[in-house]
Amino acid sequence: MKGKRIAILEARLGRELAELVAARGGLPVHAPALAEVPDLDAGAIADLVRSLEARPAALAIFQTGVGTRALFNATDGLGLTARLLALLAKSTVVVRGPKPTAALRSRSVRIDRAAADPFTTHEVLAAIGQLTLERSRVIVQRYGVANAELDQALAARGAEVVEIPTYRWSLPADTKPLAELIEALERREIDAAVFTNAEQVRNLFAVAAEQGKREALRTALNATLVASIGPVASAALREAQVKVGVEASPPKLGALLTALAAALG
């Protein structure tokens, strides 16, 4: 990566990722493309726990560590954590990856099924493939956006899906760094762009659209090495008609940086 200008769109771990790039000799250009906004209604959580006591969920799906921790922090504040844990003990608990796994284990929650690597919706559905869901309640811990693919697949199997919103994704309050990144991409001043979330792709193109530069951004990215954390981010890039040059396997930051360094080398 020595001397290469690497665009980083990650927000929460952006500084750490920039430091890792710099440690490998790269020149990080940090332009956060995502903000995580709390979206947890304590009253709705209390109502959910009461409704589950009246009609338990056969299946509980946890998709992110951040959202899982936020849910338990809310039940802590409401004094409902013990009741939620008792309900989960009677459900089949499914996790999408290692982060919700760690969050649940910190609460001593039994995990019955886990999505395989690379931890996409496809693997979640495969993990619950043999379960009978007809007329069953399924609770789904939502991440930044509703997982329409998962919800629709569950509904098609006769399940009643109850989503638990914990946070949502939005554009950062300050989009100037993104606008400046788009200009740098147009000038061919960026050697690689690193995407660690599908929503980063959509938000970058949303900012470009405000400037009337969607096509210019697409052209610029296709003239740049584009690195993706995994299949979900890659799908969003391809949907935007952007060629993916590098995809991490497994979908982790370490593997992503190693693959990016090899491609740049």
Foldseek 3Di string as FASTA:
>chain_A
DAAAEEEEQDDPCQVVLCVVCVVVRYHYQYQHFKDKAFDADLVVLVVVLVVCVVPNFQEEEEEALVLLLLSLVSCVVVVCNVSVLVRLQNHAYEYQDDNVVVNVVVVPRDHRWYFDPPRDLVSRCVRCVPPQAAAGEYEYEDDQDRPVVNVVVSVVSRHDYHYGYTIHMDGDPDNVSLVVVLVCLLVVVHAEYEDEALVSLVSSLVVCVVVVRLVSSQVSQQVHAYFYLADRNCVSCVVSVHDHNYYFVRSDSVSRVVRVVVVVD
